[in-house]
Amino acid sequence: MLTMKDIIRDGHPTLREEAQEVKLPLSDEDKETLTKMREFILNSQDEEIAKKYGLRSGVGLAAPQINVSKQMLVVYIPDYGNGRTHDIQLINPKIVSHSVQKGYLPTGEGCLSVDEDIPGLVHRNYRIKVKGYDLSGKEVKLRLRGYPAIVVQHEIDHLKGIMFYDHIDKQNPLTPQKDAIEV
């Protein structure tokens, strides 16, 4: 079981590397890594388990955050009354198209690899189409908008060595861009 001690922190060189593409079909080791990553996210959202093991709550995790420099990510966003749970495991994800419209979280973004609170708005594409592969090696195409789109973009950034705070406008960190949608 992964715990917070397995999550590398800001400043670790792996977080700034471009992650390697994963060879398909997936090796048993890669399947196990993805499964453990998903389990961590689910455990982090379970109040009892999170408290018992000292887990910070998260909705996404990229392999570089556990010091595995491979293009793999997981996202688990429970149904918040909108009738849809997003349970995503992606290998070699690529954003194939996106909206011009930007979206942002009014409280800013956080990250399991960043311990301190970094104030500032992170503007991302409001809608995206993503292509990648699932655990069985089958091609997956997803159309996401709003919060799930923001979370997936955050995780894909980890695969490119980009941290969320790299997107914050240093001059006006709390000013929304013109026409951006608050998510």
N, C-alpha and C. Protein backbone atom coordinates (compact mmCIF):
# COMPACT_ATOMS: atom_id res chain seq x y z
N MET A 1 0.83 -1.19 0.00
CA MET A 1 0.00 0.00 0.00
C MET A 1 0.87 1.26 0.00
N LEU A 2 0.56 2.19 -0.89
CA LEU A 2 1.29 3.45 -0.92
C LEU A 2 0.80 4.35 0.21
N THR A 3 1.75 5.10 0.80
CA THR A 3 1.40 6.09 1.82
C THR A 3 2.10 7.40 1.46
N MET A 4 1.94 8.41 2.31
CA MET A 4 2.56 9.71 2.02
C MET A 4 4.08 9.61 1.92
N LYS A 5 4.69 8.63 2.59
CA LYS A 5 6.15 8.49 2.50
C LYS A 5 6.59 8.08 1.09
N ASP A 6 5.66 7.54 0.29
CA ASP A 6 5.98 7.15 -1.09
C ASP A 6 5.86 8.32 -2.07
N ILE A 7 5.23 9.41 -1.64
CA ILE A 7 5.04 10.58 -2.50
C ILE A 7 6.27 11.47 -2.38
N ILE A 8 6.96 11.69 -3.50
CA ILE A 8 8.13 12.57 -3.45
C ILE A 8 7.66 14.02 -3.42
N ARG A 9 8.47 14.88 -2.82
CA ARG A 9 8.07 16.26 -2.60
C ARG A 9 8.76 17.22 -3.55
N ASP A 10 8.15 18.38 -3.64
CA ASP A 10 8.65 19.48 -4.47
C ASP A 10 10.15 19.66 -4.23
N GLY A 11 10.90 19.79 -5.30
CA GLY A 11 12.35 19.91 -5.20
C GLY A 11 13.05 18.62 -5.62
N HIS A 12 12.34 17.49 -5.59
CA HIS A 12 12.92 16.21 -6.03
C HIS A 12 13.09 16.28 -7.55
N PRO A 13 14.26 15.91 -8.08
CA PRO A 13 14.51 16.05 -9.52
C PRO A 13 13.54 15.30 -10.44
N THR A 14 12.99 14.17 -10.00
CA THR A 14 12.07 13.40 -10.85
C THR A 14 10.84 14.24 -11.22
N LEU A 15 10.41 15.14 -10.33
CA LEU A 15 9.22 15.95 -10.60
C LEU A 15 9.44 16.95 -11.74
N ARG A 16 10.69 17.20 -12.11
CA ARG A 16 10.98 18.14 -13.19
C ARG A 16 11.44 17.44 -14.48
N GLU A 17 11.41 16.12 -14.47
CA GLU A 17 11.80 15.35 -15.66
C GLU A 17 10.60 15.12 -16.57
N GLU A 18 10.88 14.93 -17.85
CA GLU A 18 9.86 14.47 -18.79
C GLU A 18 9.78 12.95 -18.61
N ALA A 19 8.59 12.45 -18.27
CA ALA A 19 8.41 11.02 -18.02
C ALA A 19 8.51 10.23 -19.33
N GLN A 20 8.97 9.00 -19.22
CA GLN A 20 9.13 8.12 -20.38
C GLN A 20 7.80 7.52 -20.81
N GLU A 21 7.65 7.31 -22.13
CA GLU A 21 6.47 6.61 -22.62
C GLU A 21 6.51 5.17 -22.11
N VAL A 22 5.34 4.62 -21.86
CA VAL A 22 5.23 3.26 -21.34
C VAL A 22 5.09 2.30 -22.51
N LYS A 23 5.86 1.23 -22.48
CA LYS A 23 5.76 0.21 -23.54
C LYS A 23 4.49 -0.61 -23.34
N LEU A 24 3.82 -0.86 -24.46
CA LEU A 24 2.61 -1.69 -24.43
C LEU A 24 2.92 -3.02 -25.11
N PRO A 25 2.32 -4.13 -24.72
CA PRO A 25 1.39 -4.26 -23.60
C PRO A 25 2.09 -3.95 -22.27
N LEU A 26 1.30 -3.54 -21.29
CA LEU A 26 1.82 -3.18 -19.98
C LEU A 26 2.49 -4.37 -19.30
N SER A 27 3.60 -4.09 -18.65
CA SER A 27 4.25 -5.14 -17.85
C SER A 27 3.43 -5.33 -16.57
N ASP A 28 3.63 -6.46 -15.92
CA ASP A 28 2.94 -6.72 -14.65
C ASP A 28 3.32 -5.64 -13.63
N GLU A 29 4.58 -5.21 -13.67
CA GLU A 29 5.06 -4.17 -12.74
C GLU A 29 4.30 -2.85 -12.97
N ASP A 30 4.12 -2.46 -14.24
CA ASP A 30 3.39 -1.22 -14.54
C ASP A 30 1.92 -1.33 -14.13
N LYS A 31 1.32 -2.50 -14.37
CA LYS A 31 -0.07 -2.72 -13.95
C LYS A 31 -0.19 -2.58 -12.43
N GLU A 32 0.76 -3.17 -11.72
CA GLU A 32 0.74 -3.11 -10.26
C GLU A 32 0.93 -1.67 -9.78
N THR A 33 1.82 -0.92 -10.42
CA THR A 33 2.04 0.49 -10.06
C THR A 33 0.76 1.29 -10.22
N LEU A 34 0.10 1.14 -11.36
CA LEU A 34 -1.16 1.87 -11.60
C LEU A 34 -2.24 1.48 -10.60
N THR A 35 -2.33 0.21 -10.31
CA THR A 35 -3.32 -0.28 -9.35
C THR A 35 -3.06 0.30 -7.96
N LYS A 36 -1.79 0.35 -7.55
CA LYS A 36 -1.44 0.91 -6.25
C LYS A 36 -1.70 2.42 -6.21
N MET A 37 -1.47 3.10 -7.33
CA MET A 37 -1.73 4.54 -7.39
C MET A 37 -3.23 4.82 -7.21
N ARG A 38 -4.05 4.03 -7.89
CA ARG A 38 -5.51 4.21 -7.77
C ARG A 38 -5.96 3.90 -6.34
N GLU A 39 -5.39 2.84 -5.77
CA GLU A 39 -5.72 2.47 -4.40
C GLU A 39 -5.36 3.61 -3.43
N PHE A 40 -4.21 4.25 -3.66
CA PHE A 40 -3.82 5.38 -2.81
C PHE A 40 -4.86 6.49 -2.86
N ILE A 41 -5.30 6.86 -4.07
CA ILE A 41 -6.28 7.94 -4.21
C ILE A 41 -7.59 7.55 -3.52
N LEU A 42 -8.05 6.34 -3.72
CA LEU A 42 -9.28 5.89 -3.05
C LEU A 42 -9.11 5.92 -1.53
N ASN A 43 -7.97 5.42 -1.04
CA ASN A 43 -7.71 5.42 0.40
C ASN A 43 -7.64 6.84 0.95
N SER A 44 -7.06 7.75 0.17
CA SER A 44 -6.91 9.14 0.63
C SER A 44 -8.26 9.83 0.78
N GLN A 45 -9.27 9.32 0.06
CA GLN A 45 -10.61 9.91 0.12
C GLN A 45 -11.49 9.23 1.17
N ASP A 46 -11.00 8.13 1.74
CA ASP A 46 -11.74 7.41 2.79
C ASP A 46 -11.28 7.97 4.14
N GLU A 47 -12.19 8.66 4.83
CA GLU A 47 -11.83 9.36 6.06
C GLU A 47 -11.11 8.48 7.08
N GLU A 48 -11.63 7.27 7.30
CA GLU A 48 -11.04 6.37 8.29
C GLU A 48 -9.63 5.92 7.90
N ILE A 49 -9.49 5.45 6.67
CA ILE A 49 -8.18 4.97 6.20
C ILE A 49 -7.18 6.12 6.16
N ALA A 50 -7.62 7.28 5.65
CA ALA A 50 -6.74 8.45 5.54
C ALA A 50 -6.22 8.85 6.92
N LYS A 51 -7.09 8.84 7.91
CA LYS A 51 -6.69 9.21 9.27
C LYS A 51 -5.72 8.18 9.84
N LYS A 52 -6.04 6.91 9.66
CA LYS A 52 -5.20 5.82 10.20
C LYS A 52 -3.77 5.87 9.65
N TYR A 53 -3.63 6.16 8.34
CA TYR A 53 -2.31 6.14 7.70
C TYR A 53 -1.73 7.53 7.44
N GLY A 54 -2.42 8.57 7.88
CA GLY A 54 -1.91 9.94 7.70
C GLY A 54 -1.85 10.36 6.24
N LEU A 55 -2.87 10.00 5.46
CA LEU A 55 -2.89 10.33 4.03
C LEU A 55 -3.56 11.68 3.81
N ARG A 56 -2.95 12.50 2.94
CA ARG A 56 -3.61 13.73 2.50
C ARG A 56 -4.57 13.36 1.39
N SER A 57 -5.73 13.96 1.40
CA SER A 57 -6.74 13.65 0.40
C SER A 57 -6.32 14.16 -0.98
N GLY A 58 -6.56 13.35 -2.00
CA GLY A 58 -6.24 13.74 -3.37
C GLY A 58 -7.24 13.18 -4.35
N VAL A 59 -7.30 13.76 -5.54
CA VAL A 59 -8.17 13.26 -6.60
C VAL A 59 -7.37 12.74 -7.79
N GLY A 60 -6.07 12.98 -7.79
CA GLY A 60 -5.24 12.51 -8.90
C GLY A 60 -3.82 12.26 -8.45
N LEU A 61 -3.14 11.40 -9.20
CA LEU A 61 -1.75 11.06 -8.92
C LEU A 61 -1.08 10.64 -10.22
N ALA A 62 0.11 11.18 -10.45
CA ALA A 62 0.90 10.80 -11.63
C ALA A 62 2.10 9.98 -11.15
N ALA A 63 2.53 9.03 -11.98
CA ALA A 63 3.62 8.13 -11.59
C ALA A 63 4.89 8.87 -11.13
N PRO A 64 5.27 10.00 -11.78
CA PRO A 64 6.47 10.68 -11.29
C PRO A 64 6.38 11.10 -9.81
N GLN A 65 5.16 11.27 -9.30
CA GLN A 65 5.01 11.66 -7.90
C GLN A 65 5.38 10.54 -6.93
N ILE A 66 5.46 9.31 -7.43
CA ILE A 66 5.94 8.21 -6.59
C ILE A 66 7.33 7.77 -7.09
N ASN A 67 8.01 8.71 -7.75
CA ASN A 67 9.37 8.52 -8.26
C ASN A 67 9.47 7.43 -9.33
N VAL A 68 8.41 7.30 -10.12
CA VAL A 68 8.41 6.39 -11.28
C VAL A 68 8.23 7.29 -12.50
N SER A 69 9.30 7.52 -13.24
CA SER A 69 9.27 8.48 -14.34
C SER A 69 8.69 7.84 -15.61
N LYS A 70 7.39 7.51 -15.52
CA LYS A 70 6.66 6.91 -16.65
C LYS A 70 5.34 7.65 -16.84
N GLN A 71 4.85 7.65 -18.07
CA GLN A 71 3.62 8.37 -18.41
C GLN A 71 2.38 7.57 -18.00
N MET A 72 2.10 7.62 -16.70
CA MET A 72 0.92 6.95 -16.15
C MET A 72 0.28 7.88 -15.13
N LEU A 73 -1.06 7.91 -15.12
CA LEU A 73 -1.76 8.72 -14.14
C LEU A 73 -3.07 8.08 -13.75
N VAL A 74 -3.55 8.45 -12.59
CA VAL A 74 -4.88 8.03 -12.13
C VAL A 74 -5.63 9.26 -11.63
N VAL A 75 -6.94 9.24 -11.84
CA VAL A 75 -7.82 10.29 -11.34
C VAL A 75 -9.06 9.59 -10.82
N TYR A 76 -9.48 9.97 -9.62
CA TYR A 76 -10.74 9.46 -9.10
C TYR A 76 -11.49 10.63 -8.48
N ILE A 77 -12.57 11.02 -9.15
CA ILE A 77 -13.42 12.10 -8.66
C ILE A 77 -14.80 11.49 -8.42
N PRO A 78 -15.17 11.38 -7.13
CA PRO A 78 -16.48 10.79 -6.82
C PRO A 78 -17.63 11.64 -7.34
N ASP A 79 -18.78 11.02 -7.44
CA ASP A 79 -20.00 11.71 -7.86
C ASP A 79 -20.39 12.71 -6.79
N TYR A 80 -20.29 14.00 -7.13
CA TYR A 80 -20.69 15.06 -6.19
C TYR A 80 -22.10 15.52 -6.49
N GLY A 81 -22.98 14.55 -6.75
CA GLY A 81 -24.38 14.89 -7.01
C GLY A 81 -24.67 15.22 -8.46
N ASN A 82 -23.66 15.02 -9.33
CA ASN A 82 -23.88 15.31 -10.76
C ASN A 82 -24.12 14.03 -11.56
N GLY A 83 -24.23 12.90 -10.86
CA GLY A 83 -24.53 11.64 -11.52
C GLY A 83 -23.36 10.99 -12.22
N ARG A 84 -22.13 11.49 -11.99
CA ARG A 84 -20.99 10.92 -12.71
C ARG A 84 -19.75 10.84 -11.83
N THR A 85 -19.20 9.65 -11.71
CA THR A 85 -17.92 9.45 -11.05
C THR A 85 -16.87 9.32 -12.15
N HIS A 86 -15.74 9.99 -11.98
CA HIS A 86 -14.65 9.88 -12.95
C HIS A 86 -13.58 8.97 -12.34
N ASP A 87 -13.44 7.79 -12.90
CA ASP A 87 -12.48 6.80 -12.45
C ASP A 87 -11.57 6.52 -13.64
N ILE A 88 -10.42 7.20 -13.67
CA ILE A 88 -9.57 7.22 -14.86
C ILE A 88 -8.18 6.67 -14.53
N GLN A 89 -7.72 5.75 -15.36
CA GLN A 89 -6.33 5.29 -15.32
C GLN A 89 -5.84 5.42 -16.76
N LEU A 90 -4.83 6.25 -16.96
CA LEU A 90 -4.35 6.50 -18.32
C LEU A 90 -2.85 6.26 -18.44
N ILE A 91 -2.50 5.59 -19.54
CA ILE A 91 -1.11 5.36 -19.89
C ILE A 91 -0.84 6.15 -21.17
N ASN A 92 0.30 6.83 -21.21
CA ASN A 92 0.71 7.65 -22.36
C ASN A 92 -0.39 8.62 -22.81
N PRO A 93 -0.97 9.39 -21.88
CA PRO A 93 -2.05 10.30 -22.26
C PRO A 93 -1.55 11.49 -23.08
N LYS A 94 -2.37 11.89 -24.04
CA LYS A 94 -2.08 13.07 -24.87
C LYS A 94 -3.36 13.87 -24.98
N ILE A 95 -3.26 15.19 -24.83
CA ILE A 95 -4.39 16.06 -25.09
C ILE A 95 -4.41 16.28 -26.60
N VAL A 96 -5.49 15.82 -27.26
CA VAL A 96 -5.55 15.91 -28.72
C VAL A 96 -6.30 17.15 -29.20
N SER A 97 -7.14 17.72 -28.34
CA SER A 97 -7.77 19.01 -28.65
C SER A 97 -8.27 19.63 -27.36
N HIS A 98 -8.48 20.95 -27.42
CA HIS A 98 -8.94 21.66 -26.23
C HIS A 98 -9.67 22.93 -26.63
N SER A 99 -10.45 23.44 -25.69
CA SER A 99 -11.19 24.68 -25.92
C SER A 99 -10.25 25.87 -25.79
N VAL A 100 -10.64 26.97 -26.39
CA VAL A 100 -9.94 28.23 -26.20
C VAL A 100 -10.29 28.76 -24.81
N GLN A 101 -11.54 28.50 -24.41
CA GLN A 101 -12.06 28.94 -23.11
C GLN A 101 -11.20 28.35 -21.98
N LYS A 102 -10.86 29.18 -21.02
CA LYS A 102 -10.09 28.74 -19.86
C LYS A 102 -11.01 28.58 -18.66
N GLY A 103 -10.59 27.75 -17.73
CA GLY A 103 -11.29 27.56 -16.47
C GLY A 103 -10.27 27.58 -15.35
N TYR A 104 -10.74 27.85 -14.15
CA TYR A 104 -9.84 27.87 -12.99
C TYR A 104 -10.63 27.55 -11.73
N LEU A 105 -9.92 27.05 -10.73
CA LEU A 105 -10.52 26.79 -9.42
C LEU A 105 -10.33 28.06 -8.60
N PRO A 106 -11.40 28.62 -8.04
CA PRO A 106 -11.28 29.89 -7.32
C PRO A 106 -10.37 29.82 -6.09
N THR A 107 -10.19 28.61 -5.56
CA THR A 107 -9.31 28.43 -4.40
C THR A 107 -7.88 28.09 -4.81
N GLY A 108 -7.61 28.04 -6.11
CA GLY A 108 -6.30 27.63 -6.59
C GLY A 108 -6.18 26.11 -6.59
N GLU A 109 -5.01 25.61 -6.91
CA GLU A 109 -4.78 24.17 -6.95
C GLU A 109 -3.84 23.76 -5.84
N GLY A 110 -3.92 22.50 -5.48
CA GLY A 110 -3.00 21.91 -4.52
C GLY A 110 -2.37 20.68 -5.15
N CYS A 111 -1.43 20.08 -4.46
CA CYS A 111 -0.72 18.94 -5.02
C CYS A 111 -0.17 18.10 -3.88
N LEU A 112 -0.29 16.78 -4.00
CA LEU A 112 0.24 15.88 -2.98
C LEU A 112 1.75 16.01 -2.83
N SER A 113 2.44 16.49 -3.87
CA SER A 113 3.89 16.66 -3.81
C SER A 113 4.31 18.03 -3.29
N VAL A 114 3.35 18.91 -3.05
CA VAL A 114 3.66 20.26 -2.57
C VAL A 114 3.02 20.43 -1.20
N ASP A 115 3.85 20.54 -0.18
CA ASP A 115 3.34 20.60 1.20
C ASP A 115 2.76 21.96 1.58
N GLU A 116 3.32 23.04 1.02
CA GLU A 116 2.82 24.35 1.41
C GLU A 116 1.69 24.81 0.49
N ASP A 117 0.90 25.73 0.99
CA ASP A 117 -0.20 26.31 0.23
C ASP A 117 0.40 27.40 -0.66
N ILE A 118 0.19 27.32 -1.96
CA ILE A 118 0.71 28.34 -2.88
C ILE A 118 -0.48 29.06 -3.48
N PRO A 119 -0.73 30.30 -3.01
CA PRO A 119 -1.89 31.03 -3.51
C PRO A 119 -1.71 31.47 -4.96
N GLY A 120 -2.80 31.42 -5.70
CA GLY A 120 -2.77 31.86 -7.10
C GLY A 120 -3.70 31.03 -7.95
N LEU A 121 -4.22 31.65 -8.99
CA LEU A 121 -5.14 30.96 -9.90
C LEU A 121 -4.34 30.27 -11.00
N VAL A 122 -4.74 29.05 -11.32
CA VAL A 122 -4.13 28.27 -12.40
C VAL A 122 -5.17 28.17 -13.51
N HIS A 123 -4.91 28.84 -14.62
CA HIS A 123 -5.85 28.82 -15.75
C HIS A 123 -5.50 27.65 -16.66
N ARG A 124 -6.51 26.83 -16.92
CA ARG A 124 -6.33 25.66 -17.79
C ARG A 124 -7.47 25.63 -18.80
N ASN A 125 -7.35 24.77 -19.80
CA ASN A 125 -8.41 24.64 -20.80
C ASN A 125 -9.66 24.10 -20.11
N TYR A 126 -10.80 24.74 -20.38
CA TYR A 126 -12.06 24.34 -19.76
C TYR A 126 -12.53 22.98 -20.28
N ARG A 127 -12.30 22.72 -21.58
CA ARG A 127 -12.68 21.43 -22.17
C ARG A 127 -11.45 20.83 -22.87
N ILE A 128 -11.32 19.52 -22.74
CA ILE A 128 -10.22 18.82 -23.42
C ILE A 128 -10.71 17.48 -23.96
N LYS A 129 -10.02 17.01 -24.99
CA LYS A 129 -10.15 15.62 -25.45
C LYS A 129 -8.79 14.99 -25.22
N VAL A 130 -8.81 13.84 -24.55
CA VAL A 130 -7.58 13.14 -24.20
C VAL A 130 -7.61 11.74 -24.80
N LYS A 131 -6.45 11.33 -25.30
CA LYS A 131 -6.30 9.98 -25.83
C LYS A 131 -5.19 9.31 -25.04
N GLY A 132 -5.38 8.04 -24.74
CA GLY A 132 -4.36 7.28 -24.03
C GLY A 132 -4.75 5.81 -24.04
N TYR A 133 -4.20 5.06 -23.11
CA TYR A 133 -4.47 3.63 -23.03
C TYR A 133 -4.88 3.28 -21.61
N ASP A 134 -5.74 2.26 -21.48
CA ASP A 134 -6.17 1.82 -20.16
C ASP A 134 -5.27 0.68 -19.68
N LEU A 135 -5.61 0.13 -18.53
CA LEU A 135 -4.83 -0.94 -17.90
C LEU A 135 -4.67 -2.16 -18.80
N SER A 136 -5.68 -2.43 -19.65
CA SER A 136 -5.61 -3.60 -20.53
C SER A 136 -4.87 -3.28 -21.84
N GLY A 137 -4.45 -2.02 -22.02
CA GLY A 137 -3.74 -1.64 -23.24
C GLY A 137 -4.66 -1.18 -24.36
N LYS A 138 -5.95 -1.08 -24.06
CA LYS A 138 -6.93 -0.64 -25.06
C LYS A 138 -6.91 0.90 -25.14
N GLU A 139 -7.01 1.42 -26.38
CA GLU A 139 -7.03 2.86 -26.55
C GLU A 139 -8.31 3.45 -25.95
N VAL A 140 -8.16 4.58 -25.27
CA VAL A 140 -9.27 5.27 -24.62
C VAL A 140 -9.28 6.71 -25.12
N LYS A 141 -10.49 7.22 -25.40
CA LYS A 141 -10.64 8.64 -25.74
C LYS A 141 -11.65 9.23 -24.78
N LEU A 142 -11.27 10.33 -24.13
CA LEU A 142 -12.13 10.97 -23.15
C LEU A 142 -12.40 12.42 -23.53
N ARG A 143 -13.63 12.84 -23.32
CA ARG A 143 -13.99 14.26 -23.45
C ARG A 143 -14.33 14.73 -22.05
N LEU A 144 -13.57 15.72 -21.58
CA LEU A 144 -13.76 16.20 -20.22
C LEU A 144 -13.95 17.70 -20.22
N ARG A 145 -14.71 18.17 -19.22
CA ARG A 145 -14.85 19.61 -19.07
C ARG A 145 -14.92 19.97 -17.60
N GLY A 146 -14.61 21.22 -17.29
CA GLY A 146 -14.67 21.68 -15.92
C GLY A 146 -13.65 21.01 -15.02
N TYR A 147 -14.10 20.64 -13.82
CA TYR A 147 -13.19 20.10 -12.81
C TYR A 147 -12.40 18.87 -13.29
N PRO A 148 -13.05 17.84 -13.87
CA PRO A 148 -12.26 16.68 -14.33
C PRO A 148 -11.20 17.07 -15.37
N ALA A 149 -11.51 18.02 -16.25
CA ALA A 149 -10.53 18.48 -17.25
C ALA A 149 -9.33 19.13 -16.56
N ILE A 150 -9.61 19.93 -15.54
CA ILE A 150 -8.54 20.61 -14.80
C ILE A 150 -7.64 19.58 -14.10
N VAL A 151 -8.26 18.59 -13.45
CA VAL A 151 -7.49 17.57 -12.72
C VAL A 151 -6.61 16.77 -13.68
N VAL A 152 -7.16 16.34 -14.81
CA VAL A 152 -6.38 15.56 -15.78
C VAL A 152 -5.22 16.40 -16.33
N GLN A 153 -5.46 17.67 -16.62
CA GLN A 153 -4.37 18.54 -17.10
C GLN A 153 -3.27 18.69 -16.05
N HIS A 154 -3.66 18.81 -14.79
CA HIS A 154 -2.69 18.90 -13.68
C HIS A 154 -1.79 17.65 -13.68
N GLU A 155 -2.43 16.47 -13.82
CA GLU A 155 -1.65 15.22 -13.79
C GLU A 155 -0.78 15.07 -15.04
N ILE A 156 -1.31 15.44 -16.21
CA ILE A 156 -0.50 15.37 -17.45
C ILE A 156 0.70 16.30 -17.34
N ASP A 157 0.53 17.46 -16.70
CA ASP A 157 1.67 18.36 -16.48
C ASP A 157 2.78 17.64 -15.72
N HIS A 158 2.42 16.82 -14.71
CA HIS A 158 3.44 16.08 -13.96
C HIS A 158 4.27 15.19 -14.89
N LEU A 159 3.66 14.69 -15.95
CA LEU A 159 4.38 13.81 -16.88
C LEU A 159 5.36 14.61 -17.75
N LYS A 160 5.20 15.93 -17.75
CA LYS A 160 6.07 16.82 -18.54
C LYS A 160 7.04 17.59 -17.64
N GLY A 161 7.03 17.31 -16.35
CA GLY A 161 7.92 18.01 -15.43
C GLY A 161 7.43 19.41 -15.07
N ILE A 162 6.14 19.65 -15.22
CA ILE A 162 5.55 20.97 -14.94
C ILE A 162 4.76 20.89 -13.64
N MET A 163 4.95 21.88 -12.78
CA MET A 163 4.21 21.97 -11.52
C MET A 163 3.09 22.99 -11.67
N PHE A 164 2.01 22.83 -10.91
CA PHE A 164 0.85 23.71 -11.06
C PHE A 164 1.21 25.18 -10.88
N TYR A 165 2.12 25.47 -9.96
CA TYR A 165 2.45 26.86 -9.67
C TYR A 165 3.22 27.54 -10.81
N ASP A 166 3.74 26.74 -11.75
CA ASP A 166 4.41 27.31 -12.93
C ASP A 166 3.42 28.12 -13.77
N HIS A 167 2.12 27.82 -13.65
CA HIS A 167 1.07 28.49 -14.43
C HIS A 167 0.55 29.77 -13.77
N ILE A 168 0.92 30.02 -12.53
CA ILE A 168 0.38 31.18 -11.81
C ILE A 168 1.05 32.46 -12.31
N ASP A 169 0.24 33.46 -12.62
CA ASP A 169 0.73 34.77 -13.06
C ASP A 169 1.42 35.43 -11.86
N LYS A 170 2.72 35.62 -11.96
CA LYS A 170 3.49 36.16 -10.82
C LYS A 170 3.09 37.60 -10.50
N GLN A 171 2.68 38.38 -11.52
CA GLN A 171 2.30 39.78 -11.30
C GLN A 171 0.92 39.90 -10.66
N ASN A 172 -0.03 39.08 -11.13
CA ASN A 172 -1.42 39.14 -10.65
C ASN A 172 -1.92 37.73 -10.33
N PRO A 173 -1.39 37.11 -9.27
CA PRO A 173 -1.70 35.70 -9.00
C PRO A 173 -3.17 35.40 -8.73
N LEU A 174 -3.92 36.38 -8.23
CA LEU A 174 -5.32 36.11 -7.86
C LEU A 174 -6.33 36.74 -8.82
N THR A 175 -5.85 37.23 -9.97
CA THR A 175 -6.74 37.87 -10.94
C THR A 175 -7.15 36.87 -12.02
N PRO A 176 -8.46 36.62 -12.16
CA PRO A 176 -8.91 35.72 -13.23
C PRO A 176 -8.65 36.33 -14.61
N GLN A 177 -8.31 35.48 -15.56
CA GLN A 177 -8.15 35.95 -16.95
C GLN A 177 -9.52 36.33 -17.49
N LYS A 178 -9.50 37.26 -18.43
CA LYS A 178 -10.74 37.71 -19.07
C LYS A 178 -11.46 36.51 -19.69
N ASP A 179 -12.75 36.40 -19.47
CA ASP A 179 -13.62 35.34 -20.01
C ASP A 179 -13.37 33.94 -19.44
N ALA A 180 -12.48 33.80 -18.45
CA ALA A 180 -12.24 32.48 -17.85
C ALA A 180 -13.45 32.11 -16.96
N ILE A 181 -13.74 30.80 -16.92
CA ILE A 181 -14.87 30.30 -16.14
C ILE A 181 -14.39 29.81 -14.78
N GLU A 182 -15.05 30.29 -13.72
CA GLU A 182 -14.76 29.78 -12.39
C GLU A 182 -15.41 28.40 -12.27
N VAL A 183 -14.64 27.41 -11.91
CA VAL A 183 -15.12 26.02 -11.85
C VAL A 183 -15.42 25.64 -10.41
